[in-house]
Amino acid sequence: MNSQQTHKVGFLLALPPSHVGASTVHGLAQAALDAGHEVYLYLIDEGVKNMPTEEYRKLAGTGANIFICAYGCQQHGVPTTDVDPNMSLCGLVVLSGLIENCKPFLSFT
């Protein structure tokens, strides 16, 4: 019997793929998934530039719940015509729900 408690782990990422924080969030999210936790990730500001990367597409394909700020995509010129079906475009109301329901919730800005 597995006595490990499952958590809803949330991340806010506002950093572009070139920033070390983007790879840190990816690694932490993958580790949380590997440990059996539910993972929720909200990409905002320059963080939306991670949406089309292979690393984040794989993360979504392995069970991470990834939400992308539609306004951020518009502001940073990230096309939304080919969004991975495992990711969701949304607004800030989703972010407030994640902050409220995920423990822990980590912000990388």
C-alpha atoms as a PDB file:
ATOM      1  CA  MET A   1       0.000   0.000   0.000  1.00  0.00           C
ATOM      2  CA  ASN A   2       1.306   3.441  -0.954  1.00  0.00           C
ATOM      3  CA  SER A   3       0.945   5.883   1.934  1.00  0.00           C
ATOM      4  CA  GLN A   4       2.340   8.825  -0.028  1.00  0.00           C
ATOM      5  CA  GLN A   5       0.033  11.830  -0.060  1.00  0.00           C
ATOM      6  CA  THR A   6      -0.722  13.331  -3.458  1.00  0.00           C
ATOM      7  CA  HIS A   7      -0.507  17.108  -3.805  1.00  0.00           C
ATOM      8  CA  LYS A   8      -1.656  19.600  -6.389  1.00  0.00           C
ATOM      9  CA  VAL A   9       1.601  21.355  -7.247  1.00  0.00           C
ATOM     10  CA  GLY A  10       1.325  24.658  -9.104  1.00  0.00           C
ATOM     11  CA  PHE A  11       3.817  26.786 -10.998  1.00  0.00           C
ATOM     12  CA  LEU A  12       3.679  30.243 -12.528  1.00  0.00           C
ATOM     13  CA  LEU A  13       6.300  30.793 -15.230  1.00  0.00           C
ATOM     14  CA  ALA A  14       6.892  34.270 -16.647  1.00  0.00           C
ATOM     15  CA  LEU A  15      10.389  33.603 -18.037  1.00  0.00           C
ATOM     16  CA  PRO A  16      11.412  32.797 -21.634  1.00  0.00           C
ATOM     17  CA  PRO A  17      12.942  29.454 -22.700  1.00  0.00           C
ATOM     18  CA  SER A  18      16.424  31.013 -22.686  1.00  0.00           C
ATOM     19  CA  HIS A  19      16.212  31.732 -18.931  1.00  0.00           C
ATOM     20  CA  VAL A  20      17.466  29.107 -16.462  1.00  0.00           C
ATOM     21  CA  GLY A  21      14.154  29.436 -14.617  1.00  0.00           C
ATOM     22  CA  ALA A  22      12.312  27.808 -17.531  1.00  0.00           C
ATOM     23  CA  SER A  23      14.443  24.667 -17.287  1.00  0.00           C
ATOM     24  CA  THR A  24      14.158  24.743 -13.479  1.00  0.00           C
ATOM     25  CA  VAL A  25      10.357  24.781 -13.659  1.00  0.00           C
ATOM     26  CA  HIS A  26      10.416  21.994 -16.238  1.00  0.00           C
ATOM     27  CA  GLY A  27      12.621  19.851 -13.977  1.00  0.00           C
ATOM     28  CA  LEU A  28      10.545  20.514 -10.863  1.00  0.00           C
ATOM     29  CA  ALA A  29       7.298  19.807 -12.698  1.00  0.00           C
ATOM     30  CA  GLN A  30       8.654  16.544 -14.115  1.00  0.00           C
ATOM     31  CA  ALA A  31       9.905  15.499 -10.672  1.00  0.00           C
ATOM     32  CA  ALA A  32       6.479  16.228  -9.173  1.00  0.00           C
ATOM     33  CA  LEU A  33       4.793  14.163 -11.903  1.00  0.00           C
ATOM     34  CA  ASP A  34       7.275  11.329 -11.356  1.00  0.00           C
ATOM     35  CA  ALA A  35       6.421  11.413  -7.632  1.00  0.00           C
ATOM     36  CA  GLY A  36       2.733  10.963  -8.463  1.00  0.00           C
ATOM     37  CA  HIS A  37       1.537  14.519  -7.825  1.00  0.00           C
ATOM     38  CA  GLU A  38      -0.887  16.524  -9.947  1.00  0.00           C
ATOM     39  CA  VAL A  39       0.967  19.340 -11.744  1.00  0.00           C
ATOM     40  CA  TYR A  40      -0.553  22.641 -12.834  1.00  0.00           C
ATOM     41  CA  LEU A  41       1.460  25.185 -14.779  1.00  0.00           C
ATOM     42  CA  TYR A  42       0.437  28.669 -15.886  1.00  0.00           C
ATOM     43  CA  LEU A  43       2.565  30.375 -18.557  1.00  0.00           C
ATOM     44  CA  ILE A  44       2.324  34.166 -18.508  1.00  0.00           C
ATOM     45  CA  ASP A  45       4.262  37.145 -19.918  1.00  0.00           C
ATOM     46  CA  GLU A  46       7.433  35.859 -21.633  1.00  0.00           C
ATOM     47  CA  GLY A  47       6.707  32.419 -20.189  1.00  0.00           C
ATOM     48  CA  VAL A  48       4.238  31.879 -23.044  1.00  0.00           C
ATOM     49  CA  LYS A  49       7.281  31.454 -25.309  1.00  0.00           C
ATOM     50  CA  ASN A  50       7.787  28.025 -23.665  1.00  0.00           C
ATOM     51  CA  MET A  51       4.472  26.769 -25.087  1.00  0.00           C
ATOM     52  CA  PRO A  52       5.848  25.582 -28.453  1.00  0.00           C
ATOM     53  CA  THR A  53       9.078  24.081 -27.048  1.00  0.00           C
ATOM     54  CA  GLU A  54       9.581  20.339 -27.207  1.00  0.00           C
ATOM     55  CA  GLU A  55      10.274  20.153 -23.442  1.00  0.00           C
ATOM     56  CA  TYR A  56       6.986  21.742 -22.463  1.00  0.00           C
ATOM     57  CA  ARG A  57       5.008  19.838 -25.095  1.00  0.00           C
ATOM     58  CA  LYS A  58       6.395  16.596 -23.647  1.00  0.00           C
ATOM     59  CA  LEU A  59       5.535  17.765 -20.137  1.00  0.00           C
ATOM     60  CA  ALA A  60       1.924  18.331 -21.212  1.00  0.00           C
ATOM     61  CA  GLY A  61       1.900  14.926 -22.891  1.00  0.00           C
ATOM     62  CA  THR A  62       3.004  13.199 -19.696  1.00  0.00           C
ATOM     63  CA  GLY A  63       0.190  14.607 -17.595  1.00  0.00           C
ATOM     64  CA  ALA A  64       1.015  18.179 -16.587  1.00  0.00           C
ATOM     65  CA  ASN A  65      -1.943  20.548 -16.825  1.00  0.00           C
ATOM     66  CA  ILE A  66      -0.539  23.507 -18.754  1.00  0.00           C
ATOM     67  CA  PHE A  67      -2.463  26.747 -19.156  1.00  0.00           C
ATOM     68  CA  ILE A  68      -1.257  29.569 -21.403  1.00  0.00           C
ATOM     69  CA  CYS A  69      -2.240  33.216 -21.051  1.00  0.00           C
ATOM     70  CA  ALA A  70      -3.903  34.101 -24.348  1.00  0.00           C
ATOM     71  CA  TYR A  71      -3.206  37.815 -23.844  1.00  0.00           C
ATOM     72  CA  GLY A  72       0.481  37.040 -23.213  1.00  0.00           C
ATOM     73  CA  CYS A  73       0.642  35.181 -26.526  1.00  0.00           C
ATOM     74  CA  GLN A  74      -0.817  38.207 -28.286  1.00  0.00           C
ATOM     75  CA  GLN A  75       1.625  40.576 -26.543  1.00  0.00           C
ATOM     76  CA  HIS A  76       4.707  38.459 -27.288  1.00  0.00           C
ATOM     77  CA  GLY A  77       3.852  37.334 -30.813  1.00  0.00           C
ATOM     78  CA  VAL A  78       3.378  33.652 -29.943  1.00  0.00           C
ATOM     79  CA  PRO A  79       1.010  32.048 -32.494  1.00  0.00           C
ATOM     80  CA  THR A  80      -2.015  30.295 -31.031  1.00  0.00           C
ATOM     81  CA  THR A  81      -3.111  28.465 -34.185  1.00  0.00           C
ATOM     82  CA  ASP A  82      -1.123  25.308 -33.367  1.00  0.00           C
ATOM     83  CA  VAL A  83      -1.572  24.941 -29.593  1.00  0.00           C
ATOM     84  CA  ASP A  84      -0.780  21.445 -28.363  1.00  0.00           C
ATOM     85  CA  PRO A  85      -4.113  19.686 -27.637  1.00  0.00           C
ATOM     86  CA  ASN A  86      -2.789  18.871 -24.142  1.00  0.00           C
ATOM     87  CA  MET A  87      -2.469  22.606 -23.344  1.00  0.00           C
ATOM     88  CA  SER A  88      -5.185  25.220 -22.823  1.00  0.00           C
ATOM     89  CA  LEU A  89      -5.346  28.906 -23.720  1.00  0.00           C
ATOM     90  CA  CYS A  90      -7.087  30.866 -20.985  1.00  0.00           C
ATOM     91  CA  GLY A  91      -7.278  34.051 -18.979  1.00  0.00           C
ATOM     92  CA  LEU A  92      -6.199  35.136 -15.532  1.00  0.00           C
ATOM     93  CA  VAL A  93      -9.249  33.719 -13.766  1.00  0.00           C
ATOM     94  CA  VAL A  94      -7.648  30.285 -14.183  1.00  0.00           C
ATOM     95  CA  LEU A  95      -4.474  31.544 -12.504  1.00  0.00           C
ATOM     96  CA  SER A  96      -6.371  32.717  -9.427  1.00  0.00           C
ATOM     97  CA  GLY A  97      -7.963  29.280  -9.128  1.00  0.00           C
ATOM     98  CA  LEU A  98      -4.574  27.574  -9.357  1.00  0.00           C
ATOM     99  CA  ILE A  99      -3.081  29.826  -6.687  1.00  0.00           C
ATOM    100  CA  GLU A 100      -6.009  29.055  -4.407  1.00  0.00           C
ATOM    101  CA  ASN A 101      -6.048  25.279  -4.963  1.00  0.00           C
ATOM    102  CA  CYS A 102      -2.400  24.271  -5.370  1.00  0.00           C
ATOM    103  CA  LYS A 103      -0.213  23.655  -2.357  1.00  0.00           C
ATOM    104  CA  PRO A 104       2.576  24.463  -2.953  1.00  0.00           C
ATOM    105  CA  PHE A 105       2.332  27.156  -5.625  1.00  0.00           C
ATOM    106  CA  LEU A 106       5.703  28.397  -6.886  1.00  0.00           C
ATOM    107  CA  SER A 107       6.235  31.531  -8.947  1.00  0.00           C
ATOM    108  CA  PHE A 108       9.160  32.032 -11.351  1.00  0.00           C
ATOM    109  CA  THR A 109       9.119  35.621 -12.597  1.00  0.00           C
END
